[in-house]
Amino acid sequence: MRNAEGFVIGVLVGAVGALLLAPASGAETRQELRRAMDKGRDRLRSMETLAEERIAVLIDEIQEKTARLMDAGGDLVESKRQDLAEAIQVAKRALAEERDILTRASRARRVAVEREEHL
């Protein structure tokens, strides 16, 4: 389970527990739930930002390494070509994972916002 999924599930379980166990009035309980949802939304936004930053760093690294290898031009031997192909495959997998994290965080944030709107 990814961090975003675990976090959203934790917020939901906490919200249900708060509703069932809270000695506070309905208005106070709703206010506490809104605060918890706001905290959760802020956390998801920071996770999205982190994923976006990691993707940008990976892209920069790939471009830099590719440029260095291509500068070698005609001297680029077969082993370097294989290294480049492997690096590209690793980068593609890393980018796919980062996009997945970003997509899950966005989806979790939308779910949290929708649930908050129903309160």
N, C-alpha and C. Protein backbone atom coordinates (compact mmCIF):
# COMPACT_ATOMS: atom_id res chain seq x y z
N MET A 1 0.83 -1.17 0.00
CA MET A 1 0.00 0.00 0.00
C MET A 1 0.89 1.25 0.00
N ARG A 2 0.61 2.18 -0.85
CA ARG A 2 1.39 3.41 -0.96
C ARG A 2 1.03 4.35 0.20
N ASN A 3 1.90 5.31 0.45
CA ASN A 3 1.70 6.26 1.52
C ASN A 3 0.38 7.01 1.40
N ALA A 4 0.05 7.46 0.20
CA ALA A 4 -1.17 8.24 0.00
C ALA A 4 -2.40 7.40 0.33
N GLU A 5 -2.43 6.15 -0.13
CA GLU A 5 -3.56 5.29 0.15
C GLU A 5 -3.70 5.04 1.65
N GLY A 6 -2.59 4.73 2.27
CA GLY A 6 -2.60 4.49 3.71
C GLY A 6 -3.04 5.71 4.49
N PHE A 7 -2.59 6.86 4.03
CA PHE A 7 -2.95 8.10 4.71
C PHE A 7 -4.45 8.35 4.60
N VAL A 8 -5.01 8.21 3.41
CA VAL A 8 -6.44 8.47 3.21
C VAL A 8 -7.26 7.48 4.03
N ILE A 9 -6.86 6.22 4.03
CA ILE A 9 -7.59 5.22 4.82
C ILE A 9 -7.51 5.58 6.30
N GLY A 10 -6.33 6.01 6.74
CA GLY A 10 -6.16 6.42 8.13
C GLY A 10 -7.05 7.59 8.50
N VAL A 11 -7.15 8.58 7.60
CA VAL A 11 -8.00 9.73 7.85
C VAL A 11 -9.46 9.29 7.96
N LEU A 12 -9.88 8.41 7.06
CA LEU A 12 -11.27 7.95 7.07
C LEU A 12 -11.58 7.16 8.34
N VAL A 13 -10.68 6.26 8.71
CA VAL A 13 -10.89 5.47 9.92
C VAL A 13 -10.91 6.39 11.14
N GLY A 14 -10.02 7.35 11.17
CA GLY A 14 -10.00 8.31 12.27
C GLY A 14 -11.27 9.14 12.34
N ALA A 15 -11.78 9.52 11.18
CA ALA A 15 -13.01 10.32 11.14
C ALA A 15 -14.18 9.51 11.67
N VAL A 16 -14.29 8.27 11.24
CA VAL A 16 -15.39 7.42 11.72
C VAL A 16 -15.26 7.21 13.22
N GLY A 17 -14.05 6.94 13.68
CA GLY A 17 -13.83 6.76 15.11
C GLY A 17 -14.18 8.01 15.89
N ALA A 18 -13.83 9.16 15.35
CA ALA A 18 -14.14 10.42 16.03
C ALA A 18 -15.64 10.61 16.13
N LEU A 19 -16.36 10.28 15.08
CA LEU A 19 -17.81 10.42 15.11
C LEU A 19 -18.45 9.50 16.14
N LEU A 20 -17.95 8.29 16.22
CA LEU A 20 -18.54 7.31 17.12
C LEU A 20 -18.18 7.53 18.59
N LEU A 21 -17.01 8.04 18.83
CA LEU A 21 -16.51 8.14 20.20
C LEU A 21 -16.49 9.55 20.77
N ALA A 22 -16.76 10.54 19.96
CA ALA A 22 -16.61 11.92 20.40
C ALA A 22 -17.72 12.32 21.36
N PRO A 23 -17.33 12.90 22.51
CA PRO A 23 -18.34 13.41 23.44
C PRO A 23 -18.80 14.82 23.04
N ALA A 24 -18.21 15.36 21.97
CA ALA A 24 -18.53 16.73 21.56
C ALA A 24 -19.86 16.76 20.81
N SER A 25 -20.37 17.99 20.64
CA SER A 25 -21.61 18.17 19.90
C SER A 25 -21.37 17.89 18.43
N GLY A 26 -22.44 17.77 17.67
CA GLY A 26 -22.34 17.52 16.24
C GLY A 26 -21.56 18.61 15.53
N ALA A 27 -21.81 19.87 15.89
CA ALA A 27 -21.11 20.99 15.25
C ALA A 27 -19.62 20.93 15.55
N GLU A 28 -19.27 20.63 16.79
CA GLU A 28 -17.86 20.55 17.16
C GLU A 28 -17.18 19.38 16.44
N THR A 29 -17.89 18.27 16.37
CA THR A 29 -17.35 17.10 15.69
C THR A 29 -17.12 17.39 14.21
N ARG A 30 -18.08 18.03 13.56
CA ARG A 30 -17.92 18.39 12.15
C ARG A 30 -16.74 19.33 11.96
N GLN A 31 -16.57 20.26 12.88
CA GLN A 31 -15.44 21.20 12.80
C GLN A 31 -14.12 20.44 12.92
N GLU A 32 -14.04 19.50 13.83
CA GLU A 32 -12.83 18.70 13.99
C GLU A 32 -12.56 17.87 12.74
N LEU A 33 -13.62 17.30 12.17
CA LEU A 33 -13.46 16.53 10.95
C LEU A 33 -12.95 17.41 9.81
N ARG A 34 -13.47 18.62 9.70
CA ARG A 34 -13.01 19.53 8.66
C ARG A 34 -11.52 19.85 8.85
N ARG A 35 -11.12 20.07 10.09
CA ARG A 35 -9.71 20.33 10.36
C ARG A 35 -8.85 19.13 9.95
N ALA A 36 -9.33 17.94 10.28
CA ALA A 36 -8.58 16.74 9.91
C ALA A 36 -8.51 16.60 8.39
N MET A 37 -9.59 16.89 7.70
CA MET A 37 -9.60 16.82 6.23
C MET A 37 -8.64 17.87 5.65
N ASP A 38 -8.62 19.06 6.23
CA ASP A 38 -7.70 20.10 5.76
C ASP A 38 -6.25 19.64 5.92
N LYS A 39 -5.95 19.04 7.07
CA LYS A 39 -4.60 18.52 7.29
C LYS A 39 -4.26 17.46 6.25
N GLY A 40 -5.21 16.56 6.02
CA GLY A 40 -5.00 15.50 5.04
C GLY A 40 -4.78 16.07 3.65
N ARG A 41 -5.57 17.07 3.29
CA ARG A 41 -5.43 17.69 1.97
C ARG A 41 -4.06 18.35 1.84
N ASP A 42 -3.61 19.02 2.88
CA ASP A 42 -2.28 19.65 2.84
C ASP A 42 -1.19 18.60 2.69
N ARG A 43 -1.34 17.50 3.38
CA ARG A 43 -0.35 16.42 3.28
C ARG A 43 -0.30 15.85 1.86
N LEU A 44 -1.47 15.64 1.26
CA LEU A 44 -1.52 15.11 -0.10
C LEU A 44 -0.90 16.09 -1.09
N ARG A 45 -1.14 17.37 -0.90
CA ARG A 45 -0.53 18.37 -1.79
C ARG A 45 0.99 18.33 -1.68
N SER A 46 1.50 18.19 -0.47
CA SER A 46 2.95 18.14 -0.32
C SER A 46 3.52 16.88 -0.96
N MET A 47 2.77 15.77 -0.90
CA MET A 47 3.22 14.54 -1.55
C MET A 47 3.24 14.71 -3.06
N GLU A 48 2.24 15.40 -3.60
CA GLU A 48 2.20 15.66 -5.04
C GLU A 48 3.40 16.51 -5.46
N THR A 49 3.67 17.54 -4.67
CA THR A 49 4.79 18.43 -4.98
C THR A 49 6.10 17.66 -4.96
N LEU A 50 6.27 16.81 -3.97
CA LEU A 50 7.49 16.00 -3.87
C LEU A 50 7.64 15.09 -5.08
N ALA A 51 6.55 14.46 -5.49
CA ALA A 51 6.61 13.57 -6.66
C ALA A 51 6.97 14.37 -7.91
N GLU A 52 6.38 15.54 -8.08
CA GLU A 52 6.69 16.38 -9.24
C GLU A 52 8.16 16.77 -9.25
N GLU A 53 8.69 17.12 -8.08
CA GLU A 53 10.10 17.50 -7.98
C GLU A 53 11.01 16.32 -8.32
N ARG A 54 10.66 15.13 -7.85
CA ARG A 54 11.47 13.95 -8.13
C ARG A 54 11.46 13.64 -9.63
N ILE A 55 10.32 13.80 -10.27
CA ILE A 55 10.23 13.58 -11.71
C ILE A 55 11.12 14.57 -12.45
N ALA A 56 11.08 15.83 -12.05
CA ALA A 56 11.90 16.86 -12.70
C ALA A 56 13.38 16.54 -12.56
N VAL A 57 13.80 16.09 -11.38
CA VAL A 57 15.21 15.74 -11.15
C VAL A 57 15.61 14.57 -12.04
N LEU A 58 14.76 13.56 -12.11
CA LEU A 58 15.07 12.40 -12.95
C LEU A 58 15.21 12.80 -14.42
N ILE A 59 14.32 13.64 -14.89
CA ILE A 59 14.39 14.09 -16.28
C ILE A 59 15.69 14.84 -16.53
N ASP A 60 16.06 15.73 -15.61
CA ASP A 60 17.32 16.47 -15.76
C ASP A 60 18.52 15.53 -15.81
N GLU A 61 18.52 14.53 -14.92
CA GLU A 61 19.64 13.58 -14.89
C GLU A 61 19.73 12.79 -16.19
N ILE A 62 18.59 12.37 -16.68
CA ILE A 62 18.58 11.61 -17.94
C ILE A 62 19.12 12.46 -19.08
N GLN A 63 18.67 13.69 -19.16
CA GLN A 63 19.11 14.57 -20.24
C GLN A 63 20.61 14.85 -20.15
N GLU A 64 21.10 15.06 -18.93
CA GLU A 64 22.52 15.34 -18.74
C GLU A 64 23.37 14.13 -19.14
N LYS A 65 22.99 12.94 -18.69
CA LYS A 65 23.76 11.74 -19.01
C LYS A 65 23.69 11.42 -20.50
N THR A 66 22.54 11.61 -21.08
CA THR A 66 22.40 11.37 -22.51
C THR A 66 23.28 12.33 -23.30
N ALA A 67 23.29 13.59 -22.91
CA ALA A 67 24.11 14.59 -23.61
C ALA A 67 25.59 14.23 -23.51
N ARG A 68 26.04 13.80 -22.32
CA ARG A 68 27.44 13.42 -22.16
C ARG A 68 27.81 12.23 -23.05
N LEU A 69 26.92 11.27 -23.09
CA LEU A 69 27.20 10.10 -23.92
C LEU A 69 27.19 10.46 -25.41
N MET A 70 26.28 11.31 -25.80
CA MET A 70 26.18 11.67 -27.21
C MET A 70 27.35 12.56 -27.63
N ASP A 71 27.91 13.33 -26.69
CA ASP A 71 29.08 14.16 -27.00
C ASP A 71 30.28 13.29 -27.38
N ALA A 72 30.29 12.08 -26.87
CA ALA A 72 31.39 11.19 -27.20
C ALA A 72 31.34 10.80 -28.68
N GLY A 73 30.18 11.02 -29.30
CA GLY A 73 30.00 10.83 -30.74
C GLY A 73 30.48 9.50 -31.27
N GLY A 74 31.40 9.56 -32.24
CA GLY A 74 31.88 8.36 -32.91
C GLY A 74 32.63 7.43 -31.99
N ASP A 75 33.14 7.94 -30.88
CA ASP A 75 33.91 7.12 -29.96
C ASP A 75 33.02 6.27 -29.05
N LEU A 76 31.73 6.43 -29.21
CA LEU A 76 30.79 5.70 -28.36
C LEU A 76 30.82 4.22 -28.75
N VAL A 77 31.35 3.40 -27.87
CA VAL A 77 31.47 1.98 -28.15
C VAL A 77 30.19 1.26 -27.76
N GLU A 78 30.08 0.02 -28.13
CA GLU A 78 28.86 -0.75 -27.89
C GLU A 78 28.49 -0.79 -26.41
N SER A 79 29.46 -0.91 -25.53
CA SER A 79 29.14 -0.96 -24.10
C SER A 79 28.47 0.33 -23.63
N LYS A 80 28.89 1.46 -24.20
CA LYS A 80 28.28 2.73 -23.84
C LYS A 80 26.84 2.79 -24.35
N ARG A 81 26.62 2.26 -25.53
CA ARG A 81 25.25 2.22 -26.07
C ARG A 81 24.36 1.37 -25.17
N GLN A 82 24.90 0.24 -24.71
CA GLN A 82 24.13 -0.62 -23.82
C GLN A 82 23.86 0.09 -22.49
N ASP A 83 24.88 0.79 -21.97
CA ASP A 83 24.70 1.55 -20.73
C ASP A 83 23.59 2.58 -20.91
N LEU A 84 23.60 3.27 -22.03
CA LEU A 84 22.59 4.27 -22.31
C LEU A 84 21.21 3.63 -22.38
N ALA A 85 21.10 2.51 -23.07
CA ALA A 85 19.81 1.83 -23.19
C ALA A 85 19.30 1.38 -21.82
N GLU A 86 20.20 0.86 -20.99
CA GLU A 86 19.81 0.44 -19.64
C GLU A 86 19.40 1.64 -18.79
N ALA A 87 20.15 2.73 -18.90
CA ALA A 87 19.82 3.93 -18.14
C ALA A 87 18.45 4.47 -18.54
N ILE A 88 18.16 4.42 -19.81
CA ILE A 88 16.86 4.90 -20.28
C ILE A 88 15.74 4.01 -19.74
N GLN A 89 15.95 2.70 -19.73
CA GLN A 89 14.94 1.79 -19.21
C GLN A 89 14.71 2.03 -17.71
N VAL A 90 15.79 2.20 -16.96
CA VAL A 90 15.67 2.47 -15.53
C VAL A 90 14.93 3.78 -15.31
N ALA A 91 15.27 4.78 -16.08
CA ALA A 91 14.62 6.09 -15.95
C ALA A 91 13.14 6.00 -16.29
N LYS A 92 12.80 5.24 -17.32
CA LYS A 92 11.40 5.08 -17.69
C LYS A 92 10.61 4.43 -16.56
N ARG A 93 11.20 3.40 -15.93
CA ARG A 93 10.52 2.75 -14.81
C ARG A 93 10.36 3.71 -13.64
N ALA A 94 11.41 4.47 -13.35
CA ALA A 94 11.35 5.42 -12.24
C ALA A 94 10.30 6.50 -12.51
N LEU A 95 10.26 6.99 -13.73
CA LEU A 95 9.25 7.99 -14.08
C LEU A 95 7.85 7.42 -13.97
N ALA A 96 7.66 6.19 -14.39
CA ALA A 96 6.34 5.56 -14.29
C ALA A 96 5.92 5.43 -12.83
N GLU A 97 6.86 5.07 -11.96
CA GLU A 97 6.55 4.98 -10.53
C GLU A 97 6.20 6.34 -9.95
N GLU A 98 6.94 7.36 -10.32
CA GLU A 98 6.66 8.70 -9.82
C GLU A 98 5.30 9.20 -10.32
N ARG A 99 5.01 8.93 -11.58
CA ARG A 99 3.70 9.31 -12.12
C ARG A 99 2.59 8.58 -11.38
N ASP A 100 2.82 7.32 -11.05
CA ASP A 100 1.84 6.54 -10.30
C ASP A 100 1.60 7.16 -8.93
N ILE A 101 2.67 7.55 -8.26
CA ILE A 101 2.55 8.19 -6.95
C ILE A 101 1.75 9.48 -7.09
N LEU A 102 2.07 10.26 -8.08
CA LEU A 102 1.38 11.53 -8.30
C LEU A 102 -0.10 11.30 -8.61
N THR A 103 -0.39 10.32 -9.45
CA THR A 103 -1.77 10.01 -9.81
C THR A 103 -2.56 9.55 -8.58
N ARG A 104 -1.96 8.68 -7.78
CA ARG A 104 -2.64 8.20 -6.58
C ARG A 104 -2.89 9.34 -5.59
N ALA A 105 -1.91 10.21 -5.44
CA ALA A 105 -2.08 11.34 -4.51
C ALA A 105 -3.18 12.26 -5.00
N SER A 106 -3.23 12.52 -6.29
CA SER A 106 -4.29 13.37 -6.85
C SER A 106 -5.65 12.73 -6.65
N ARG A 107 -5.72 11.43 -6.92
CA ARG A 107 -6.99 10.70 -6.76
C ARG A 107 -7.42 10.73 -5.30
N ALA A 108 -6.50 10.53 -4.38
CA ALA A 108 -6.82 10.54 -2.96
C ALA A 108 -7.29 11.92 -2.52
N ARG A 109 -6.65 12.95 -3.07
CA ARG A 109 -7.07 14.31 -2.72
C ARG A 109 -8.48 14.58 -3.22
N ARG A 110 -8.79 14.14 -4.44
CA ARG A 110 -10.14 14.34 -4.96
C ARG A 110 -11.17 13.63 -4.10
N VAL A 111 -10.86 12.41 -3.67
CA VAL A 111 -11.77 11.65 -2.81
C VAL A 111 -11.97 12.38 -1.49
N ALA A 112 -10.89 12.88 -0.92
CA ALA A 112 -10.98 13.60 0.35
C ALA A 112 -11.83 14.85 0.20
N VAL A 113 -11.65 15.57 -0.88
CA VAL A 113 -12.43 16.80 -1.11
C VAL A 113 -13.89 16.45 -1.31
N GLU A 114 -14.18 15.39 -2.06
CA GLU A 114 -15.56 14.99 -2.28
C GLU A 114 -16.23 14.57 -0.97
N ARG A 115 -15.49 13.86 -0.16
CA ARG A 115 -16.06 13.43 1.13
C ARG A 115 -16.31 14.65 2.03
N GLU A 116 -15.40 15.60 1.98
CA GLU A 116 -15.56 16.80 2.81
C GLU A 116 -16.78 17.58 2.35
N GLU A 117 -17.04 17.61 1.07
CA GLU A 117 -18.18 18.35 0.55
C GLU A 117 -19.49 17.71 1.00
N HIS A 118 -19.47 16.43 1.32
CA HIS A 118 -20.68 15.75 1.76
C HIS A 118 -20.93 15.92 3.26
N LEU A 119 -19.97 16.49 3.97
CA LEU A 119 -20.14 16.68 5.43
C LEU A 119 -21.07 17.81 5.72
